C-alpha atoms as a PDB file:
ATOM      1  CA  UNK A   1       0.000   0.000   0.000  1.00  0.00           C
ATOM      2  CA  UNK A   2       2.787   2.413   0.920  1.00  0.00           C
ATOM      3  CA  UNK A   3       4.617   1.596  -2.318  1.00  0.00           C
ATOM      4  CA  UNK A   4       1.486   2.418  -4.324  1.00  0.00           C
ATOM      5  CA  UNK A   5       1.135   5.766  -2.536  1.00  0.00           C
ATOM      6  CA  UNK A   6       4.755   6.649  -3.371  1.00  0.00           C
ATOM      7  CA  UNK A   7       4.221   5.736  -7.019  1.00  0.00           C
ATOM      8  CA  UNK A   8       1.055   7.851  -7.177  1.00  0.00           C
ATOM      9  CA  UNK A   9       2.859  10.768  -5.556  1.00  0.00           C
ATOM     10  CA  UNK A  10       5.734  10.486  -8.051  1.00  0.00           C
ATOM     11  CA  UNK A  11       3.249  10.358 -10.916  1.00  0.00           C
ATOM     12  CA  UNK A  12       1.443  13.462  -9.628  1.00  0.00           C
ATOM     13  CA  UNK A  13       4.736  15.338  -9.337  1.00  0.00           C
ATOM     14  CA  UNK A  14       5.691  14.327 -12.879  1.00  0.00           C
ATOM     15  CA  UNK A  15       2.300  15.483 -14.198  1.00  0.00           C
ATOM     16  CA  UNK A  16       2.684  18.813 -12.376  1.00  0.00           C
ATOM     17  CA  UNK A  17       6.136  19.279 -13.897  1.00  0.00           C
ATOM     18  CA  UNK A  18       4.854  18.519 -17.400  1.00  0.00           C
ATOM     19  CA  UNK A  19       2.002  21.011 -16.964  1.00  0.00           C
ATOM     20  CA  UNK A  20       4.173  23.678 -15.344  1.00  0.00           C
ATOM     21  CA  UNK A  21       6.677  23.647 -18.209  1.00  0.00           C
ATOM     22  CA  UNK A  22       4.143  22.969 -20.991  1.00  0.00           C
ATOM     23  CA  UNK A  23       6.173  19.935 -22.052  1.00  0.00           C
ATOM     24  CA  UNK A  24       3.404  18.258 -24.060  1.00  0.00           C
ATOM     25  CA  UNK A  25       2.925  21.296 -26.300  1.00  0.00           C
ATOM     26  CA  UNK A  26       6.659  21.723 -26.788  1.00  0.00           C
ATOM     27  CA  UNK A  27       7.167  18.077 -27.770  1.00  0.00           C
ATOM     28  CA  UNK A  28       4.083  18.110 -30.004  1.00  0.00           C
ATOM     29  CA  UNK A  29       5.340  21.244 -31.766  1.00  0.00           C
ATOM     30  CA  UNK A  30       8.737  19.596 -32.296  1.00  0.00           C
ATOM     31  CA  UNK A  31       7.134  16.569 -33.909  1.00  0.00           C
ATOM     32  CA  UNK A  32       4.900  18.713 -36.106  1.00  0.00           C
ATOM     33  CA  UNK A  33       7.865  20.785 -37.291  1.00  0.00           C
ATOM     34  CA  UNK A  34       9.878  17.643 -37.997  1.00  0.00           C
ATOM     35  CA  UNK A  35       7.025  16.302 -40.118  1.00  0.00           C
ATOM     36  CA  UNK A  36       6.610  19.597 -41.973  1.00  0.00           C
ATOM     37  CA  UNK A  37      10.298  20.235 -42.696  1.00  0.00           C
ATOM     38  CA  UNK A  38      11.521  16.632 -42.871  1.00  0.00           C
ATOM     39  CA  UNK A  39      15.141  17.636 -42.359  1.00  0.00           C
ATOM     40  CA  UNK A  40      17.895  15.290 -43.476  1.00  0.00           C
ATOM     41  CA  UNK A  41      19.384  15.589 -40.012  1.00  0.00           C
ATOM     42  CA  UNK A  42      16.544  15.654 -37.455  1.00  0.00           C
ATOM     43  CA  UNK A  43      18.999  15.814 -34.551  1.00  0.00           C
ATOM     44  CA  UNK A  44      20.534  19.013 -35.855  1.00  0.00           C
ATOM     45  CA  UNK A  45      17.088  20.435 -36.542  1.00  0.00           C
ATOM     46  CA  UNK A  46      15.967  19.679 -32.981  1.00  0.00           C
ATOM     47  CA  UNK A  47      19.190  21.115 -31.564  1.00  0.00           C
ATOM     48  CA  UNK A  48      18.516  24.367 -33.450  1.00  0.00           C
ATOM     49  CA  UNK A  49      14.901  24.304 -32.334  1.00  0.00           C
ATOM     50  CA  UNK A  50      15.768  24.011 -28.658  1.00  0.00           C
ATOM     51  CA  UNK A  51      18.555  26.587 -28.982  1.00  0.00           C
ATOM     52  CA  UNK A  52      15.965  28.981 -30.415  1.00  0.00           C
ATOM     53  CA  UNK A  53      13.625  28.266 -27.525  1.00  0.00           C
ATOM     54  CA  UNK A  54      16.452  29.053 -25.089  1.00  0.00           C
ATOM     55  CA  UNK A  55      17.187  32.364 -26.836  1.00  0.00           C
ATOM     56  CA  UNK A  56      13.533  33.364 -26.753  1.00  0.00           C
ATOM     57  CA  UNK A  57      13.303  32.475 -23.069  1.00  0.00           C
ATOM     58  CA  UNK A  58      16.452  34.474 -22.310  1.00  0.00           C
ATOM     59  CA  UNK A  59      14.935  37.520 -24.024  1.00  0.00           C
ATOM     60  CA  UNK A  60      11.932  37.397 -21.699  1.00  0.00           C
ATOM     61  CA  UNK A  61       9.339  36.000 -24.086  1.00  0.00           C
ATOM     62  CA  UNK A  62       8.720  32.873 -21.995  1.00  0.00           C
ATOM     63  CA  UNK A  63       5.049  31.971 -21.812  1.00  0.00           C
ATOM     64  CA  UNK A  64       4.135  33.980 -24.902  1.00  0.00           C
ATOM     65  CA  UNK A  65       3.288  32.593 -28.306  1.00  0.00           C
ATOM     66  CA  UNK A  66       6.675  32.846 -29.972  1.00  0.00           C
ATOM     67  CA  UNK A  67       6.732  29.550 -31.840  1.00  0.00           C
ATOM     68  CA  UNK A  68       5.901  31.110 -35.224  1.00  0.00           C
ATOM     69  CA  UNK A  69       8.861  33.469 -34.770  1.00  0.00           C
ATOM     70  CA  UNK A  70      11.149  30.566 -33.849  1.00  0.00           C
ATOM     71  CA  UNK A  71      10.066  28.443 -36.792  1.00  0.00           C
ATOM     72  CA  UNK A  72      10.457  31.321 -39.228  1.00  0.00           C
ATOM     73  CA  UNK A  73      13.970  31.863 -37.894  1.00  0.00           C
ATOM     74  CA  UNK A  74      14.774  28.159 -38.205  1.00  0.00           C
ATOM     75  CA  UNK A  75      13.314  28.045 -41.709  1.00  0.00           C
ATOM     76  CA  UNK A  76      15.440  31.033 -42.739  1.00  0.00           C
ATOM     77  CA  UNK A  77      18.538  29.308 -41.356  1.00  0.00           C
ATOM     78  CA  UNK A  78      17.650  26.081 -43.182  1.00  0.00           C
ATOM     79  CA  UNK A  79      17.095  27.898 -46.462  1.00  0.00           C
ATOM     80  CA  UNK A  80      20.346  29.849 -46.066  1.00  0.00           C
ATOM     81  CA  UNK A  81      22.325  26.677 -45.387  1.00  0.00           C
ATOM     82  CA  UNK A  82      20.781  24.965 -48.423  1.00  0.00           C
ATOM     83  CA  UNK A  83      21.635  27.893 -50.684  1.00  0.00           C
ATOM     84  CA  UNK A  84      25.340  27.760 -49.806  1.00  0.00           C
END
């Protein structure tokens, strides 16, 4: 019984963390962008994506709808690297 209570408590804490940091939306957006852009190197694409999220957060835009701005930036970078 005590073991079950600990597991439930851990699960609740994990759910709170996911909600607090909007993890589901972030992961869903990553998958959607991967499917749209279909980059040859998905790892590099994701690295750029998360780097962009970090930059936006550092500039104080956390919690605001900045994903279109991030994706446009990533798309511009992708296009520029393909042109070279």
